[in-house]
Amino acid sequence: QVQLVESGGGSVQAGGSLRLSCAASGRTLSRYGMGWFRQAPGKEREFVAGISSSGTTYSPDSVKGRFTMSRDNAKSTVFLQMNSLKAEDTAVYYCAAKNVYSSNSYYVRTQSAEYDYWGQGTQVTVSS
């Protein structure tokens, strides 16, 4: 069992930056694929970044060049650096984990159904 706790959310003006953290307890993350998703009111949950157990990253075009995901396995923590924030980035951001039983997987999971564990979410509000 993995418990995920997000932090770092808050309110920021458009053009600003935030760094989200997701700390895991109960397991080290070296054999987990990780992802960040977001959900705005009235919208479906949306994938924003993922990182494989080997460190390969992927983000959709909507955030590419602005959002960067990284991981620190020694601290069992993943991060989402968000720059040049826009009002449309306002949402609750969720961290997710998938045990892939390997530290050398290059595959980045982009679908929420592929993940087994979820954090409680952290609110990000961007004002224009």
C-alpha atoms as a PDB file:
ATOM      1  CA  GLN A   1       0.000   0.000   0.000  1.00  0.00           C
ATOM      2  CA  VAL A   2       1.261   3.447  -0.926  1.00  0.00           C
ATOM      3  CA  GLN A   3       0.010   6.674   0.607  1.00  0.00           C
ATOM      4  CA  LEU A   4       0.518   9.797  -1.483  1.00  0.00           C
ATOM      5  CA  VAL A   5       0.378  13.315  -0.075  1.00  0.00           C
ATOM      6  CA  GLU A   6       0.503  16.353  -2.346  1.00  0.00           C
ATOM      7  CA  SER A   7       1.630  19.792  -1.260  1.00  0.00           C
ATOM      8  CA  GLY A   8       2.655  23.094  -2.787  1.00  0.00           C
ATOM      9  CA  GLY A   9      -0.638  24.247  -4.210  1.00  0.00           C
ATOM     10  CA  GLY A  10      -1.940  27.748  -3.739  1.00  0.00           C
ATOM     11  CA  SER A  11      -2.957  30.926  -5.472  1.00  0.00           C
ATOM     12  CA  VAL A  12      -0.752  32.693  -7.995  1.00  0.00           C
ATOM     13  CA  GLN A  13      -1.147  35.311 -10.667  1.00  0.00           C
ATOM     14  CA  ALA A  14      -0.963  34.423 -14.333  1.00  0.00           C
ATOM     15  CA  GLY A  15       2.623  34.098 -15.459  1.00  0.00           C
ATOM     16  CA  GLY A  16       3.742  32.913 -12.062  1.00  0.00           C
ATOM     17  CA  SER A  17       5.164  29.583 -10.922  1.00  0.00           C
ATOM     18  CA  LEU A  18       4.389  26.878  -8.419  1.00  0.00           C
ATOM     19  CA  ARG A  19       6.154  23.670  -7.480  1.00  0.00           C
ATOM     20  CA  LEU A  20       3.992  20.771  -6.388  1.00  0.00           C
ATOM     21  CA  SER A  21       5.380  17.897  -4.368  1.00  0.00           C
ATOM     22  CA  CYS A  22       4.026  14.409  -3.854  1.00  0.00           C
ATOM     23  CA  ALA A  23       5.501  12.420  -1.014  1.00  0.00           C
ATOM     24  CA  ALA A  24       4.947   8.695  -0.721  1.00  0.00           C
ATOM     25  CA  SER A  25       4.907   6.679   2.459  1.00  0.00           C
ATOM     26  CA  GLY A  26       4.839   2.961   2.884  1.00  0.00           C
ATOM     27  CA  ARG A  27       7.033   2.225  -0.126  1.00  0.00           C
ATOM     28  CA  THR A  28       9.997   3.556  -1.999  1.00  0.00           C
ATOM     29  CA  LEU A  29       9.068   4.817  -5.452  1.00  0.00           C
ATOM     30  CA  SER A  30      11.916   3.382  -7.498  1.00  0.00           C
ATOM     31  CA  ARG A  31       9.665   0.738  -9.071  1.00  0.00           C
ATOM     32  CA  TYR A  32       6.667   2.991  -9.582  1.00  0.00           C
ATOM     33  CA  GLY A  33       5.503   4.933 -12.569  1.00  0.00           C
ATOM     34  CA  MET A  34       4.136   8.274 -11.428  1.00  0.00           C
ATOM     35  CA  GLY A  35       1.753  10.810 -12.853  1.00  0.00           C
ATOM     36  CA  TRP A  36       0.148  14.174 -12.234  1.00  0.00           C
ATOM     37  CA  PHE A  37      -3.452  14.800 -13.199  1.00  0.00           C
ATOM     38  CA  ARG A  38      -5.754  17.744 -12.715  1.00  0.00           C
ATOM     39  CA  GLN A  39      -9.481  18.263 -12.541  1.00  0.00           C
ATOM     40  CA  ALA A  40     -11.263  21.561 -12.921  1.00  0.00           C
ATOM     41  CA  PRO A  41     -14.887  22.035 -11.809  1.00  0.00           C
ATOM     42  CA  GLY A  42     -17.267  20.427 -14.270  1.00  0.00           C
ATOM     43  CA  LYS A  43     -14.466  18.852 -16.287  1.00  0.00           C
ATOM     44  CA  GLU A  44     -12.974  15.386 -16.535  1.00  0.00           C
ATOM     45  CA  ARG A  45      -9.690  14.499 -14.892  1.00  0.00           C
ATOM     46  CA  GLU A  46      -6.841  15.407 -17.235  1.00  0.00           C
ATOM     47  CA  PHE A  47      -3.295  14.028 -17.503  1.00  0.00           C
ATOM     48  CA  VAL A  48      -0.622  16.731 -17.227  1.00  0.00           C
ATOM     49  CA  ALA A  49       2.674  14.886 -16.695  1.00  0.00           C
ATOM     50  CA  GLY A  50       4.112  11.463 -16.140  1.00  0.00           C
ATOM     51  CA  ILE A  51       7.449   9.906 -15.324  1.00  0.00           C
ATOM     52  CA  SER A  52       8.481   6.298 -15.768  1.00  0.00           C
ATOM     53  CA  SER A  53      10.413   4.342 -13.172  1.00  0.00           C
ATOM     54  CA  SER A  54      13.573   4.902 -15.236  1.00  0.00           C
ATOM     55  CA  GLY A  55      12.996   8.664 -15.398  1.00  0.00           C
ATOM     56  CA  THR A  56      11.453   9.112 -18.841  1.00  0.00           C
ATOM     57  CA  THR A  57       8.997  11.995 -18.800  1.00  0.00           C
ATOM     58  CA  TYR A  58       6.042  12.985 -20.957  1.00  0.00           C
ATOM     59  CA  SER A  59       3.603  15.876 -20.956  1.00  0.00           C
ATOM     60  CA  PRO A  60       0.788  16.773 -23.335  1.00  0.00           C
ATOM     61  CA  ASP A  61       1.070  19.766 -25.633  1.00  0.00           C
ATOM     62  CA  SER A  62      -1.210  21.822 -23.380  1.00  0.00           C
ATOM     63  CA  VAL A  63       1.529  22.085 -20.749  1.00  0.00           C
ATOM     64  CA  LYS A  64       4.686  21.085 -22.627  1.00  0.00           C
ATOM     65  CA  GLY A  65       7.442  23.611 -22.134  1.00  0.00           C
ATOM     66  CA  ARG A  66       5.724  25.002 -19.037  1.00  0.00           C
ATOM     67  CA  PHE A  67       5.373  21.977 -16.710  1.00  0.00           C
ATOM     68  CA  THR A  68       8.263  19.698 -15.763  1.00  0.00           C
ATOM     69  CA  MET A  69       7.987  16.551 -13.720  1.00  0.00           C
ATOM     70  CA  SER A  70      10.887  15.032 -11.813  1.00  0.00           C
ATOM     71  CA  ARG A  71      11.470  12.436  -9.164  1.00  0.00           C
ATOM     72  CA  ASP A  72      13.758  11.889  -6.181  1.00  0.00           C
ATOM     73  CA  ASN A  73      13.573   8.204  -5.344  1.00  0.00           C
ATOM     74  CA  ALA A  74      15.790   8.611  -2.292  1.00  0.00           C
ATOM     75  CA  LYS A  75      13.147  10.915  -0.820  1.00  0.00           C
ATOM     76  CA  SER A  76      10.195   8.969  -2.280  1.00  0.00           C
ATOM     77  CA  THR A  77       8.971  12.218  -3.754  1.00  0.00           C
ATOM     78  CA  VAL A  78       7.957  13.474  -7.171  1.00  0.00           C
ATOM     79  CA  PHE A  79       7.652  17.071  -8.209  1.00  0.00           C
ATOM     80  CA  LEU A  80       5.753  19.132 -10.735  1.00  0.00           C
ATOM     81  CA  GLN A  81       7.367  22.442 -11.587  1.00  0.00           C
ATOM     82  CA  MET A  82       4.767  24.699 -13.180  1.00  0.00           C
ATOM     83  CA  ASN A  83       5.893  27.888 -14.912  1.00  0.00           C
ATOM     84  CA  SER A  84       4.098  30.516 -16.968  1.00  0.00           C
ATOM     85  CA  LEU A  85       0.837  29.570 -15.323  1.00  0.00           C
ATOM     86  CA  LYS A  86      -2.419  30.482 -17.008  1.00  0.00           C
ATOM     87  CA  ALA A  87      -5.931  30.898 -15.657  1.00  0.00           C
ATOM     88  CA  GLU A  88      -6.927  27.682 -17.425  1.00  0.00           C
ATOM     89  CA  ASP A  89      -4.424  25.779 -15.277  1.00  0.00           C
ATOM     90  CA  THR A  90      -6.712  26.326 -12.295  1.00  0.00           C
ATOM     91  CA  ALA A  91      -7.727  22.917 -10.947  1.00  0.00           C
ATOM     92  CA  VAL A  92      -7.198  20.379  -8.220  1.00  0.00           C
ATOM     93  CA  TYR A  93      -3.953  18.567  -8.958  1.00  0.00           C
ATOM     94  CA  TYR A  94      -3.583  14.906  -8.093  1.00  0.00           C
ATOM     95  CA  CYS A  95      -0.530  12.682  -7.834  1.00  0.00           C
ATOM     96  CA  ALA A  96      -0.852   9.033  -8.884  1.00  0.00           C
ATOM     97  CA  ALA A  97       1.317   5.920  -8.687  1.00  0.00           C
ATOM     98  CA  LYS A  98       1.499   2.586 -10.471  1.00  0.00           C
ATOM     99  CA  ASN A  99       3.694  -0.280  -9.294  1.00  0.00           C
ATOM    100  CA  VAL A 100       5.518  -1.511 -12.402  1.00  0.00           C
ATOM    101  CA  TYR A 101       7.807  -3.910 -10.497  1.00  0.00           C
ATOM    102  CA  SER A 102      10.849  -2.589 -12.337  1.00  0.00           C
ATOM    103  CA  SER A 103      13.174   0.370 -11.976  1.00  0.00           C
ATOM    104  CA  ASN A 104      14.010   0.260 -15.701  1.00  0.00           C
ATOM    105  CA  SER A 105      10.636   0.796 -17.303  1.00  0.00           C
ATOM    106  CA  TYR A 106      10.534   3.554 -19.940  1.00  0.00           C
ATOM    107  CA  TYR A 107       6.757   3.539 -20.405  1.00  0.00           C
ATOM    108  CA  VAL A 108       4.867   6.612 -19.237  1.00  0.00           C
ATOM    109  CA  ARG A 109       1.229   6.016 -18.341  1.00  0.00           C
ATOM    110  CA  THR A 110      -1.180   8.740 -19.401  1.00  0.00           C
ATOM    111  CA  GLN A 111      -4.563   7.262 -18.503  1.00  0.00           C
ATOM    112  CA  SER A 112      -5.991   7.631 -15.005  1.00  0.00           C
ATOM    113  CA  ALA A 113      -7.282   4.041 -15.067  1.00  0.00           C
ATOM    114  CA  GLU A 114      -3.684   2.809 -15.329  1.00  0.00           C
ATOM    115  CA  TYR A 115      -2.811   4.106 -11.862  1.00  0.00           C
ATOM    116  CA  ASP A 116      -3.470   2.281  -8.626  1.00  0.00           C
ATOM    117  CA  TYR A 117      -2.836   4.885  -5.947  1.00  0.00           C
ATOM    118  CA  TRP A 118      -3.945   8.496  -5.673  1.00  0.00           C
ATOM    119  CA  GLY A 119      -3.316  11.405  -3.385  1.00  0.00           C
ATOM    120  CA  GLN A 120      -6.044  13.633  -1.985  1.00  0.00           C
ATOM    121  CA  GLY A 121      -5.235  16.528  -4.312  1.00  0.00           C
ATOM    122  CA  THR A 122      -3.987  20.067  -3.917  1.00  0.00           C
ATOM    123  CA  GLN A 123      -5.741  23.169  -5.219  1.00  0.00           C
ATOM    124  CA  VAL A 124      -4.016  25.437  -7.715  1.00  0.00           C
ATOM    125  CA  THR A 125      -5.707  28.730  -8.505  1.00  0.00           C
ATOM    126  CA  VAL A 126      -4.332  31.066 -11.166  1.00  0.00           C
ATOM    127  CA  SER A 127      -5.823  34.529 -11.401  1.00  0.00           C
ATOM    128  CA  SER A 128      -5.644  36.544 -14.589  1.00  0.00           C
END
